[in-house]
Structures are given as C-alpha cells and as structure tokens.
Amino acid sequence: MGRPELPVDHTVPARGVLAETLRALRTSAGLTFDELAVRTGLSPATLKRAASGRTVPSWETAKEFASACGAPAVGLRSVWLKARIAERGCLKQLRRPRAPELATTFGDLGEA
C-alpha cells in the first residue's frame, strides 16, 4: 500500500474544490493512481498533481480523469472553470509590472 495523500491545498478555494471533486471521483471508482494512469494514458504524477489542489489541470486532463472514473465530464466543467478563473485572478495579483524608470531592456519596457 502506498503512502497517504497529502491534504488538499485550499489557498485558492475553487482550486481546492476541484481537487476534492477529483479525489472523490477516484475514491468512488475504487481506483489507484496507477490504475487510473492505465485507463487515461496519463502519468500517475500528472493525475496526482491534478488532485492536489496546488494547480488547475488542463481541461483535457480533468475530463480524462473523470471519464476514467466513470463520471460524466459535463458536471465537472463548471467546477473546473471556476478553479481556472480563480487561479488566473490570483496570478494577476502576483504579476506587478516594473516602473518605467527601472526598465533597462526592451523586455522590461514591454512589461511596464
């Protein structure tokens, strides 16, 4: 038996909800990540990262995850969209352009 999963990261709540949804699908299907990887053709690491809550997986990954668990991807789409929008909002807050007077390259100037 493998080691237990880490707790879901809820620093971005919508991302945490998506991760918990994916974990619930996997648990209800009774699949390990290795079994899920065989069914989806994705690596176990990709699937574990999708269910971690630290990132939002691509829609293709989330859709494959759900369908391999026997769940319709239609209900998952709205949860995934909310997580993607919330993540983008957090990323915009982290990116602050440099002040024009500090721009020393054309790349810096473009960011400013």
PDB file of N, CA and C in Angstrom:
ATOM      1  N   MET A   1       0.851  -1.182   0.000  1.00  0.00           N
ATOM      2  CA  MET A   1       0.000   0.000   0.000  1.00  0.00           C
ATOM      3  C   MET A   1       0.893   1.240   0.000  1.00  0.00           C
ATOM      4  N   GLY A   2       0.533   2.230  -0.775  1.00  0.00           N
ATOM      5  CA  GLY A   2       1.290   3.474  -0.853  1.00  0.00           C
ATOM      6  C   GLY A   2       1.031   4.365   0.342  1.00  0.00           C
ATOM      7  N   ARG A   3       1.763   5.440   0.362  1.00  0.00           N
ATOM      8  CA  ARG A   3       1.570   6.375   1.476  1.00  0.00           C
ATOM      9  C   ARG A   3       0.310   7.203   1.256  1.00  0.00           C
ATOM     10  N   PRO A   4      -0.245   7.755   2.323  1.00  0.00           N
ATOM     11  CA  PRO A   4      -1.497   8.522   2.189  1.00  0.00           C
ATOM     12  C   PRO A   4      -1.270   9.826   1.421  1.00  0.00           C
ATOM     13  N   GLU A   5      -2.326  10.289   0.799  1.00  0.00           N
ATOM     14  CA  GLU A   5      -2.252  11.543   0.055  1.00  0.00           C
ATOM     15  C   GLU A   5      -2.059  12.717   1.007  1.00  0.00           C
ATOM     16  N   LEU A   6      -1.400  13.735   0.510  1.00  0.00           N
ATOM     17  CA  LEU A   6      -1.275  14.978   1.267  1.00  0.00           C
ATOM     18  C   LEU A   6      -2.631  15.664   1.307  1.00  0.00           C
ATOM     19  N   PRO A   7      -2.875  16.518   2.291  1.00  0.00           N
ATOM     20  CA  PRO A   7      -4.137  17.255   2.316  1.00  0.00           C
ATOM     21  C   PRO A   7      -4.267  18.150   1.083  1.00  0.00           C
ATOM     22  N   VAL A   8      -5.491  18.403   0.685  1.00  0.00           N
ATOM     23  CA  VAL A   8      -5.750  19.277  -0.457  1.00  0.00           C
ATOM     24  C   VAL A   8      -5.343  20.698  -0.108  1.00  0.00           C
ATOM     25  N   ASP A   9      -4.684  21.348  -1.036  1.00  0.00           N
ATOM     26  CA  ASP A   9      -4.272  22.745  -0.867  1.00  0.00           C
ATOM     27  C   ASP A   9      -5.480  23.640  -1.139  1.00  0.00           C
ATOM     28  N   HIS A  10      -5.891  24.415  -0.137  1.00  0.00           N
ATOM     29  CA  HIS A  10      -7.054  25.304  -0.280  1.00  0.00           C
ATOM     30  C   HIS A  10      -6.657  26.779  -0.299  1.00  0.00           C
ATOM     31  N   THR A  11      -5.408  27.098  -0.681  1.00  0.00           N
ATOM     32  CA  THR A  11      -5.012  28.505  -0.728  1.00  0.00           C
ATOM     33  C   THR A  11      -5.850  29.267  -1.748  1.00  0.00           C
ATOM     34  N   VAL A  12      -6.250  28.600  -2.814  1.00  0.00           N
ATOM     35  CA  VAL A  12      -7.246  29.137  -3.752  1.00  0.00           C
ATOM     36  C   VAL A  12      -8.446  28.202  -3.594  1.00  0.00           C
ATOM     37  N   PRO A  13      -9.497  28.644  -2.902  1.00  0.00           N
ATOM     38  CA  PRO A  13     -10.603  27.745  -2.559  1.00  0.00           C
ATOM     39  C   PRO A  13     -11.217  26.994  -3.738  1.00  0.00           C
ATOM     40  N   ALA A  14     -11.401  27.648  -4.868  1.00  0.00           N
ATOM     41  CA  ALA A  14     -12.008  26.976  -6.024  1.00  0.00           C
ATOM     42  C   ALA A  14     -11.117  25.853  -6.543  1.00  0.00           C
ATOM     43  N   ARG A  15      -9.816  26.051  -6.440  1.00  0.00           N
ATOM     44  CA  ARG A  15      -8.874  25.002  -6.845  1.00  0.00           C
ATOM     45  C   ARG A  15      -8.985  23.811  -5.904  1.00  0.00           C
ATOM     46  N   GLY A  16      -9.155  24.085  -4.623  1.00  0.00           N
ATOM     47  CA  GLY A  16      -9.323  23.021  -3.636  1.00  0.00           C
ATOM     48  C   GLY A  16     -10.586  22.223  -3.866  1.00  0.00           C
ATOM     49  N   VAL A  17     -11.662  22.909  -4.246  1.00  0.00           N
ATOM     50  CA  VAL A  17     -12.926  22.223  -4.530  1.00  0.00           C
ATOM     51  C   VAL A  17     -12.758  21.287  -5.725  1.00  0.00           C
ATOM     52  N   LEU A  18     -12.060  21.740  -6.751  1.00  0.00           N
ATOM     53  CA  LEU A  18     -11.811  20.891  -7.914  1.00  0.00           C
ATOM     54  C   LEU A  18     -11.010  19.660  -7.503  1.00  0.00           C
ATOM     55  N   ALA A  19      -9.967  19.856  -6.713  1.00  0.00           N
ATOM     56  CA  ALA A  19      -9.134  18.731  -6.277  1.00  0.00           C
ATOM     57  C   ALA A  19      -9.953  17.734  -5.452  1.00  0.00           C
ATOM     58  N   GLU A  20     -10.779  18.248  -4.556  1.00  0.00           N
ATOM     59  CA  GLU A  20     -11.603  17.349  -3.740  1.00  0.00           C
ATOM     60  C   GLU A  20     -12.616  16.594  -4.595  1.00  0.00           C
ATOM     61  N   THR A  21     -13.139  17.252  -5.628  1.00  0.00           N
ATOM     62  CA  THR A  21     -14.064  16.593  -6.548  1.00  0.00           C
ATOM     63  C   THR A  21     -13.368  15.454  -7.281  1.00  0.00           C
ATOM     64  N   LEU A  22     -12.158  15.708  -7.774  1.00  0.00           N
ATOM     65  CA  LEU A  22     -11.409  14.666  -8.475  1.00  0.00           C
ATOM     66  C   LEU A  22     -11.067  13.512  -7.531  1.00  0.00           C
ATOM     67  N   ARG A  23     -10.679  13.832  -6.309  1.00  0.00           N
ATOM     68  CA  ARG A  23     -10.370  12.778  -5.338  1.00  0.00           C
ATOM     69  C   ARG A  23     -11.599  11.936  -5.021  1.00  0.00           C
ATOM     70  N   ALA A  24     -12.745  12.595  -4.892  1.00  0.00           N
ATOM     71  CA  ALA A  24     -13.984  11.863  -4.602  1.00  0.00           C
ATOM     72  C   ALA A  24     -14.347  10.932  -5.754  1.00  0.00           C
ATOM     73  N   LEU A  25     -14.148  11.387  -6.988  1.00  0.00           N
ATOM     74  CA  LEU A  25     -14.427  10.538  -8.147  1.00  0.00           C
ATOM     75  C   LEU A  25     -13.534   9.297  -8.125  1.00  0.00           C
ATOM     76  N   ARG A  26     -12.252   9.511  -7.845  1.00  0.00           N
ATOM     77  CA  ARG A  26     -11.307   8.386  -7.824  1.00  0.00           C
ATOM     78  C   ARG A  26     -11.649   7.412  -6.701  1.00  0.00           C
ATOM     79  N   THR A  27     -11.984   7.947  -5.530  1.00  0.00           N
ATOM     80  CA  THR A  27     -12.325   7.097  -4.390  1.00  0.00           C
ATOM     81  C   THR A  27     -13.584   6.294  -4.667  1.00  0.00           C
ATOM     82  N   SER A  28     -14.597   6.942  -5.235  1.00  0.00           N
ATOM     83  CA  SER A  28     -15.855   6.231  -5.506  1.00  0.00           C
ATOM     84  C   SER A  28     -15.676   5.173  -6.584  1.00  0.00           C
ATOM     85  N   ALA A  29     -14.731   5.378  -7.495  1.00  0.00           N
ATOM     86  CA  ALA A  29     -14.455   4.369  -8.521  1.00  0.00           C
ATOM     87  C   ALA A  29     -13.561   3.257  -7.988  1.00  0.00           C
ATOM     88  N   GLY A  30     -12.935   3.489  -6.833  1.00  0.00           N
ATOM     89  CA  GLY A  30     -12.086   2.477  -6.234  1.00  0.00           C
ATOM     90  C   GLY A  30     -10.795   2.235  -6.997  1.00  0.00           C
ATOM     91  N   LEU A  31     -10.252   3.301  -7.587  1.00  0.00           N
ATOM     92  CA  LEU A  31      -9.051   3.174  -8.402  1.00  0.00           C
ATOM     93  C   LEU A  31      -7.832   3.764  -7.718  1.00  0.00           C
ATOM     94  N   THR A  32      -6.683   3.171  -7.958  1.00  0.00           N
ATOM     95  CA  THR A  32      -5.425   3.778  -7.535  1.00  0.00           C
ATOM     96  C   THR A  32      -4.973   4.715  -8.655  1.00  0.00           C
ATOM     97  N   PHE A  33      -3.977   5.534  -8.367  1.00  0.00           N
ATOM     98  CA  PHE A  33      -3.469   6.420  -9.402  1.00  0.00           C
ATOM     99  C   PHE A  33      -2.818   5.627 -10.537  1.00  0.00           C
ATOM    100  N   ASP A  34      -2.210   4.512 -10.212  1.00  0.00           N
ATOM    101  CA  ASP A  34      -1.612   3.680 -11.254  1.00  0.00           C
ATOM    102  C   ASP A  34      -2.683   3.090 -12.175  1.00  0.00           C
ATOM    103  N   GLU A  35      -3.768   2.614 -11.596  1.00  0.00           N
ATOM    104  CA  GLU A  35      -4.870   2.080 -12.405  1.00  0.00           C
ATOM    105  C   GLU A  35      -5.498   3.187 -13.247  1.00  0.00           C
ATOM    106  N   LEU A  36      -5.639   4.345 -12.652  1.00  0.00           N
ATOM    107  CA  LEU A  36      -6.185   5.496 -13.368  1.00  0.00           C
ATOM    108  C   LEU A  36      -5.273   5.896 -14.523  1.00  0.00           C
ATOM    109  N   ALA A  37      -3.967   5.808 -14.302  1.00  0.00           N
ATOM    110  CA  ALA A  37      -2.995   6.150 -15.352  1.00  0.00           C
ATOM    111  C   ALA A  37      -3.132   5.203 -16.545  1.00  0.00           C
ATOM    112  N   VAL A  38      -3.345   3.932 -16.277  1.00  0.00           N
ATOM    113  CA  VAL A  38      -3.520   2.962 -17.366  1.00  0.00           C
ATOM    114  C   VAL A  38      -4.775   3.290 -18.165  1.00  0.00           C
ATOM    115  N   ARG A  39      -5.837   3.646 -17.473  1.00  0.00           N
ATOM    116  CA  ARG A  39      -7.109   3.955 -18.157  1.00  0.00           C
ATOM    117  C   ARG A  39      -7.047   5.256 -18.961  1.00  0.00           C
ATOM    118  N   THR A  40      -6.301   6.236 -18.476  1.00  0.00           N
ATOM    119  CA  THR A  40      -6.282   7.547 -19.138  1.00  0.00           C
ATOM    120  C   THR A  40      -5.139   7.717 -20.121  1.00  0.00           C
ATOM    121  N   GLY A  41      -4.060   6.968 -19.912  1.00  0.00           N
ATOM    122  CA  GLY A  41      -2.872   7.176 -20.730  1.00  0.00           C
ATOM    123  C   GLY A  41      -2.020   8.337 -20.233  1.00  0.00           C
ATOM    124  N   LEU A  42      -2.361   8.883 -19.076  1.00  0.00           N
ATOM    125  CA  LEU A  42      -1.603   9.965 -18.456  1.00  0.00           C
ATOM    126  C   LEU A  42      -0.702   9.379 -17.372  1.00  0.00           C
ATOM    127  N   SER A  43       0.309  10.106 -16.994  1.00  0.00           N
ATOM    128  CA  SER A  43       1.214   9.594 -15.960  1.00  0.00           C
ATOM    129  C   SER A  43       0.558   9.711 -14.580  1.00  0.00           C
ATOM    130  N   PRO A  44       0.935   8.823 -13.663  1.00  0.00           N
ATOM    131  CA  PRO A  44       0.416   8.941 -12.298  1.00  0.00           C
ATOM    132  C   PRO A  44       0.760  10.287 -11.664  1.00  0.00           C
ATOM    133  N   ALA A  45       1.927  10.822 -11.987  1.00  0.00           N
ATOM    134  CA  ALA A  45       2.328  12.123 -11.426  1.00  0.00           C
ATOM    135  C   ALA A  45       1.388  13.228 -11.894  1.00  0.00           C
ATOM    136  N   THR A  46       1.000  13.204 -13.161  1.00  0.00           N
ATOM    137  CA  THR A  46       0.061  14.199 -13.693  1.00  0.00           C
ATOM    138  C   THR A  46      -1.275  14.099 -12.978  1.00  0.00           C
ATOM    139  N   LEU A  47      -1.731  12.885 -12.759  1.00  0.00           N
ATOM    140  CA  LEU A  47      -3.022  12.682 -12.096  1.00  0.00           C
ATOM    141  C   LEU A  47      -2.968  13.097 -10.624  1.00  0.00           C
ATOM    142  N   LYS A  48      -1.867  12.808  -9.952  1.00  0.00           N
ATOM    143  CA  LYS A  48      -1.711  13.221  -8.553  1.00  0.00           C
ATOM    144  C   LYS A  48      -1.661  14.737  -8.443  1.00  0.00           C
ATOM    145  N   ARG A  49      -0.970  15.376  -9.379  1.00  0.00           N
ATOM    146  CA  ARG A  49      -0.889  16.842  -9.384  1.00  0.00           C
ATOM    147  C   ARG A  49      -2.269  17.448  -9.627  1.00  0.00           C
ATOM    148  N   ALA A  50      -3.063  16.827 -10.496  1.00  0.00           N
ATOM    149  CA  ALA A  50      -4.413  17.316 -10.777  1.00  0.00           C
ATOM    150  C   ALA A  50      -5.296  17.260  -9.537  1.00  0.00           C
ATOM    151  N   ALA A  51      -5.070  16.259  -8.686  1.00  0.00           N
ATOM    152  CA  ALA A  51      -5.891  16.087  -7.485  1.00  0.00           C
ATOM    153  C   ALA A  51      -5.251  16.689  -6.236  1.00  0.00           C
ATOM    154  N   SER A  52      -4.213  17.497  -6.417  1.00  0.00           N
ATOM    155  CA  SER A  52      -3.504  18.061  -5.264  1.00  0.00           C
ATOM    156  C   SER A  52      -4.102  19.369  -4.769  1.00  0.00           C
ATOM    157  N   GLY A  53      -4.646  20.183  -5.689  1.00  0.00           N
ATOM    158  CA  GLY A  53      -5.154  21.496  -5.315  1.00  0.00           C
ATOM    159  C   GLY A  53      -4.107  22.589  -5.458  1.00  0.00           C
ATOM    160  N   ARG A  54      -2.877  22.219  -5.803  1.00  0.00           N
ATOM    161  CA  ARG A  54      -1.820  23.221  -5.968  1.00  0.00           C
ATOM    162  C   ARG A  54      -1.871  23.888  -7.340  1.00  0.00           C
ATOM    163  N   THR A  55      -2.444  23.199  -8.322  1.00  0.00           N
ATOM    164  CA  THR A  55      -2.578  23.747  -9.668  1.00  0.00           C
ATOM    165  C   THR A  55      -3.938  23.360 -10.224  1.00  0.00           C
ATOM    166  N   VAL A  56      -4.313  23.996 -11.324  1.00  0.00           N
ATOM    167  CA  VAL A  56      -5.525  23.597 -12.041  1.00  0.00           C
ATOM    168  C   VAL A  56      -5.062  22.810 -13.262  1.00  0.00           C
ATOM    169  N   PRO A  57      -5.484  21.563 -13.375  1.00  0.00           N
ATOM    170  CA  PRO A  57      -5.064  20.779 -14.539  1.00  0.00           C
ATOM    171  C   PRO A  57      -5.716  21.305 -15.811  1.00  0.00           C
ATOM    172  N   SER A  58      -5.188  20.899 -16.939  1.00  0.00           N
ATOM    173  CA  SER A  58      -5.835  21.267 -18.199  1.00  0.00           C
ATOM    174  C   SER A  58      -7.219  20.625 -18.239  1.00  0.00           C
ATOM    175  N   TRP A  59      -8.076  21.171 -19.083  1.00  0.00           N
ATOM    176  CA  TRP A  59      -9.416  20.606 -19.185  1.00  0.00           C
ATOM    177  C   TRP A  59      -9.342  19.171 -19.690  1.00  0.00           C
ATOM    178  N   GLU A  60      -8.430  18.894 -20.605  1.00  0.00           N
ATOM    179  CA  GLU A  60      -8.285  17.538 -21.135  1.00  0.00           C
ATOM    180  C   GLU A  60      -7.929  16.550 -20.020  1.00  0.00           C
ATOM    181  N   THR A  61      -7.019  16.938 -19.143  1.00  0.00           N
ATOM    182  CA  THR A  61      -6.629  16.064 -18.035  1.00  0.00           C
ATOM    183  C   THR A  61      -7.803  15.827 -17.095  1.00  0.00           C
ATOM    184  N   ALA A  62      -8.509  16.892 -16.732  1.00  0.00           N
ATOM    185  CA  ALA A  62      -9.661  16.762 -15.830  1.00  0.00           C
ATOM    186  C   ALA A  62     -10.752  15.894 -16.458  1.00  0.00           C
ATOM    187  N   LYS A  63     -10.977  16.078 -17.750  1.00  0.00           N
ATOM    188  CA  LYS A  63     -12.006  15.308 -18.461  1.00  0.00           C
ATOM    189  C   LYS A  63     -11.634  13.823 -18.514  1.00  0.00           C
ATOM    190  N   GLU A  64     -10.383  13.524 -18.825  1.00  0.00           N
ATOM    191  CA  GLU A  64      -9.923  12.139 -18.866  1.00  0.00           C
ATOM    192  C   GLU A  64     -10.004  11.497 -17.483  1.00  0.00           C
ATOM    193  N   PHE A  65      -9.644  12.251 -16.468  1.00  0.00           N
ATOM    194  CA  PHE A  65      -9.704  11.783 -15.081  1.00  0.00           C
ATOM    195  C   PHE A  65     -11.131  11.358 -14.752  1.00  0.00           C
ATOM    196  N   ALA A  66     -12.092  12.237 -15.042  1.00  0.00           N
ATOM    197  CA  ALA A  66     -13.497  11.955 -14.719  1.00  0.00           C
ATOM    198  C   ALA A  66     -14.029  10.772 -15.514  1.00  0.00           C
ATOM    199  N   SER A  67     -13.752  10.737 -16.809  1.00  0.00           N
ATOM    200  CA  SER A  67     -14.303   9.657 -17.625  1.00  0.00           C
ATOM    201  C   SER A  67     -13.696   8.312 -17.249  1.00  0.00           C
ATOM    202  N   ALA A  68     -12.425   8.277 -16.847  1.00  0.00           N
ATOM    203  CA  ALA A  68     -11.804   7.031 -16.412  1.00  0.00           C
ATOM    204  C   ALA A  68     -12.425   6.520 -15.109  1.00  0.00           C
ATOM    205  N   CYS A  69     -12.979   7.446 -14.326  1.00  0.00           N
ATOM    206  CA  CYS A  69     -13.661   7.075 -13.080  1.00  0.00           C
ATOM    207  C   CYS A  69     -15.126   6.727 -13.318  1.00  0.00           C
ATOM    208  N   GLY A  70     -15.578   6.835 -14.560  1.00  0.00           N
ATOM    209  CA  GLY A  70     -16.958   6.505 -14.889  1.00  0.00           C
ATOM    210  C   GLY A  70     -17.938   7.631 -14.636  1.00  0.00           C
ATOM    211  N   ALA A  71     -17.428   8.856 -14.518  1.00  0.00           N
ATOM    212  CA  ALA A  71     -18.290  10.012 -14.253  1.00  0.00           C
ATOM    213  C   ALA A  71     -18.398  10.869 -15.512  1.00  0.00           C
ATOM    214  N   PRO A  72     -19.542  11.502 -15.721  1.00  0.00           N
ATOM    215  CA  PRO A  72     -19.654  12.403 -16.869  1.00  0.00           C
ATOM    216  C   PRO A  72     -18.844  13.678 -16.629  1.00  0.00           C
ATOM    217  N   ALA A  73     -18.151  14.104 -17.651  1.00  0.00           N
ATOM    218  CA  ALA A  73     -17.318  15.306 -17.522  1.00  0.00           C
ATOM    219  C   ALA A  73     -18.155  16.577 -17.535  1.00  0.00           C
ATOM    220  N   VAL A  74     -19.411  16.483 -17.932  1.00  0.00           N
ATOM    221  CA  VAL A  74     -20.266  17.667 -18.036  1.00  0.00           C
ATOM    222  C   VAL A  74     -20.398  18.375 -16.693  1.00  0.00           C
ATOM    223  N   GLY A  75     -20.653  17.654 -15.615  1.00  0.00           N
ATOM    224  CA  GLY A  75     -20.801  18.262 -14.298  1.00  0.00           C
ATOM    225  C   GLY A  75     -19.501  18.844 -13.767  1.00  0.00           C
ATOM    226  N   LEU A  76     -18.384  18.290 -14.221  1.00  0.00           N
ATOM    227  CA  LEU A  76     -17.076  18.750 -13.771  1.00  0.00           C
ATOM    228  C   LEU A  76     -16.662  20.055 -14.434  1.00  0.00           C
ATOM    229  N   ARG A  77     -17.220  20.336 -15.593  1.00  0.00           N
ATOM    230  CA  ARG A  77     -16.798  21.510 -16.376  1.00  0.00           C
ATOM    231  C   ARG A  77     -16.962  22.813 -15.591  1.00  0.00           C
ATOM    232  N   SER A  78     -18.089  23.004 -14.913  1.00  0.00           N
ATOM    233  CA  SER A  78     -18.311  24.257 -14.187  1.00  0.00           C
ATOM    234  C   SER A  78     -17.357  24.385 -12.993  1.00  0.00           C
ATOM    235  N   VAL A  79     -17.060  23.262 -12.332  1.00  0.00           N
ATOM    236  CA  VAL A  79     -16.121  23.285 -11.209  1.00  0.00           C
ATOM    237  C   VAL A  79     -14.728  23.649 -11.728  1.00  0.00           C
ATOM    238  N   TRP A  80     -14.344  23.067 -12.864  1.00  0.00           N
ATOM    239  CA  TRP A  80     -13.041  23.343 -13.463  1.00  0.00           C
ATOM    240  C   TRP A  80     -12.945  24.816 -13.893  1.00  0.00           C
ATOM    241  N   LEU A  81     -13.990  25.344 -14.508  1.00  0.00           N
ATOM    242  CA  LEU A  81     -13.982  26.744 -14.953  1.00  0.00           C
ATOM    243  C   LEU A  81     -13.822  27.701 -13.772  1.00  0.00           C
ATOM    244  N   LYS A  82     -14.532  27.450 -12.687  1.00  0.00           N
ATOM    245  CA  LYS A  82     -14.411  28.311 -11.506  1.00  0.00           C
ATOM    246  C   LYS A  82     -12.986  28.291 -10.965  1.00  0.00           C
ATOM    247  N   ALA A  83     -12.371  27.104 -10.950  1.00  0.00           N
ATOM    248  CA  ALA A  83     -10.991  26.987 -10.474  1.00  0.00           C
ATOM    249  C   ALA A  83     -10.032  27.726 -11.394  1.00  0.00           C
ATOM    250  N   ARG A  84     -10.233  27.608 -12.696  1.00  0.00           N
ATOM    251  CA  ARG A  84      -9.353  28.272 -13.667  1.00  0.00           C
ATOM    252  C   ARG A  84      -9.463  29.793 -13.544  1.00  0.00           C
ATOM    253  N   ILE A  85     -10.681  30.299 -13.404  1.00  0.00           N
ATOM    254  CA  ILE A  85     -10.888  31.744 -13.266  1.00  0.00           C
ATOM    255  C   ILE A  85     -10.264  32.246 -11.961  1.00  0.00           C
ATOM    256  N   ALA A  86     -10.464  31.505 -10.871  1.00  0.00           N
ATOM    257  CA  ALA A  86      -9.897  31.909  -9.580  1.00  0.00           C
ATOM    258  C   ALA A  86      -8.376  31.904  -9.631  1.00  0.00           C
ATOM    259  N   GLU A  87      -7.795  30.911 -10.285  1.00  0.00           N
ATOM    260  CA  GLU A  87      -6.341  30.846 -10.389  1.00  0.00           C
ATOM    261  C   GLU A  87      -5.797  32.016 -11.199  1.00  0.00           C
ATOM    262  N   ARG A  88      -6.444  32.339 -12.276  1.00  0.00           N
ATOM    263  CA  ARG A  88      -5.984  33.473 -13.092  1.00  0.00           C
ATOM    264  C   ARG A  88      -6.073  34.774 -12.324  1.00  0.00           C
ATOM    265  N   GLY A  89      -7.112  34.919 -11.507  1.00  0.00           N
ATOM    266  CA  GLY A  89      -7.236  36.119 -10.689  1.00  0.00           C
ATOM    267  C   GLY A  89      -6.092  36.241  -9.703  1.00  0.00           C
ATOM    268  N   CYS A  90      -5.674  35.129  -9.120  1.00  0.00           N
ATOM    269  CA  CYS A  90      -4.550  35.135  -8.172  1.00  0.00           C
ATOM    270  C   CYS A  90      -3.242  35.426  -8.885  1.00  0.00           C
ATOM    271  N   LEU A  91      -3.068  34.895 -10.081  1.00  0.00           N
ATOM    272  CA  LEU A  91      -1.834  35.128 -10.822  1.00  0.00           C
ATOM    273  C   LEU A  91      -1.698  36.589 -11.230  1.00  0.00           C
ATOM    274  N   LYS A  92      -2.807  37.227 -11.577  1.00  0.00           N
ATOM    275  CA  LYS A  92      -2.756  38.644 -11.950  1.00  0.00           C
ATOM    276  C   LYS A  92      -2.311  39.505 -10.777  1.00  0.00           C
ATOM    277  N   GLN A  93      -2.708  39.124  -9.575  1.00  0.00           N
ATOM    278  CA  GLN A  93      -2.307  39.887  -8.396  1.00  0.00           C
ATOM    279  C   GLN A  93      -0.813  39.745  -8.127  1.00  0.00           C
ATOM    280  N   LEU A  94      -0.242  38.599  -8.508  1.00  0.00           N
ATOM    281  CA  LEU A  94       1.179  38.371  -8.265  1.00  0.00           C
ATOM    282  C   LEU A  94       2.068  39.107  -9.255  1.00  0.00           C
ATOM    283  N   ARG A  95       1.591  39.306 -10.470  1.00  0.00           N
ATOM    284  CA  ARG A  95       2.394  39.951 -11.506  1.00  0.00           C
ATOM    285  C   ARG A  95       2.228  41.458 -11.427  1.00  0.00           C
ATOM    286  N   ARG A  96       3.264  42.127 -11.060  1.00  0.00           N
ATOM    287  CA  ARG A  96       3.243  43.585 -10.999  1.00  0.00           C
ATOM    288  C   ARG A  96       4.282  44.111 -11.964  1.00  0.00           C
ATOM    289  N   PRO A  97       3.865  44.941 -12.882  1.00  0.00           N
ATOM    290  CA  PRO A  97       4.842  45.464 -13.844  1.00  0.00           C
ATOM    291  C   PRO A  97       5.854  46.384 -13.171  1.00  0.00           C
ATOM    292  N   ARG A  98       7.027  46.419 -13.746  1.00  0.00           N
ATOM    293  CA  ARG A  98       8.061  47.310 -13.224  1.00  0.00           C
ATOM    294  C   ARG A  98       7.742  48.746 -13.608  1.00  0.00           C
ATOM    295  N   ALA A  99       8.215  49.648 -12.801  1.00  0.00           N
ATOM    296  CA  ALA A  99       8.028  51.065 -13.113  1.00  0.00           C
ATOM    297  C   ALA A  99       8.886  51.411 -14.336  1.00  0.00           C
ATOM    298  N   PRO A 100       8.389  52.266 -15.234  1.00  0.00           N
ATOM    299  CA  PRO A 100       9.140  52.578 -16.451  1.00  0.00           C
ATOM    300  C   PRO A 100      10.553  53.086 -16.194  1.00  0.00           C
ATOM    301  N   GLU A 101      10.775  53.794 -15.090  1.00  0.00           N
ATOM    302  CA  GLU A 101      12.110  54.331 -14.840  1.00  0.00           C
ATOM    303  C   GLU A 101      13.121  53.234 -14.492  1.00  0.00           C
ATOM    304  N   LEU A 102      12.636  52.020 -14.161  1.00  0.00           N
ATOM    305  CA  LEU A 102      13.527  50.920 -13.838  1.00  0.00           C
ATOM    306  C   LEU A 102      13.745  49.978 -15.024  1.00  0.00           C
ATOM    307  N   ALA A 103      13.114  50.260 -16.137  1.00  0.00           N
ATOM    308  CA  ALA A 103      13.250  49.399 -17.310  1.00  0.00           C
ATOM    309  C   ALA A 103      14.633  49.579 -17.923  1.00  0.00           C
ATOM    310  N   THR A 104      15.380  48.481 -18.021  1.00  0.00           N
ATOM    311  CA  THR A 104      16.730  48.552 -18.584  1.00  0.00           C
ATOM    312  C   THR A 104      16.849  47.791 -19.903  1.00  0.00           C
ATOM    313  N   THR A 105      15.821  46.992 -20.242  1.00  0.00           N
ATOM    314  CA  THR A 105      15.821  46.262 -21.510  1.00  0.00           C
ATOM    315  C   THR A 105      14.490  46.474 -22.206  1.00  0.00           C
ATOM    316  N   PHE A 106      14.412  46.088 -23.479  1.00  0.00           N
ATOM    317  CA  PHE A 106      13.143  46.224 -24.199  1.00  0.00           C
ATOM    318  C   PHE A 106      12.085  45.314 -23.574  1.00  0.00           C
ATOM    319  N   GLY A 107      12.494  44.162 -23.019  1.00  0.00           N
ATOM    320  CA  GLY A 107      11.544  43.288 -22.331  1.00  0.00           C
ATOM    321  C   GLY A 107      10.944  43.950 -21.112  1.00  0.00           C
ATOM    322  N   ASP A 108      11.794  44.655 -20.341  1.00  0.00           N
ATOM    323  CA  ASP A 108      11.294  45.392 -19.175  1.00  0.00           C
ATOM    324  C   ASP A 108      10.338  46.487 -19.598  1.00  0.00           C
ATOM    325  N   LEU A 109      10.673  47.164 -20.681  1.00  0.00           N
ATOM    326  CA  LEU A 109       9.837  48.244 -21.171  1.00  0.00           C
ATOM    327  C   LEU A 109       8.481  47.703 -21.620  1.00  0.00           C
ATOM    328  N   GLY A 110       8.485  46.538 -22.257  1.00  0.00           N
ATOM    329  CA  GLY A 110       7.238  45.918 -22.687  1.00  0.00           C
ATOM    330  C   GLY A 110       6.348  45.552 -21.513  1.00  0.00           C
ATOM    331  N   GLU A 111       6.954  45.060 -20.433  1.00  0.00           N
ATOM    332  CA  GLU A 111       6.176  44.711 -19.239  1.00  0.00           C
ATOM    333  C   GLU A 111       5.598  45.959 -18.581  1.00  0.00           C
ATOM    334  N   ALA A 112       6.356  47.053 -18.614  1.00  0.00           N
ATOM    335  CA  ALA A 112       5.907  48.280 -17.969  1.00  0.00           C
ATOM    336  C   ALA A 112       4.781  48.886 -18.756  1.00  0.00           C
TER     337      ALA A 112
END
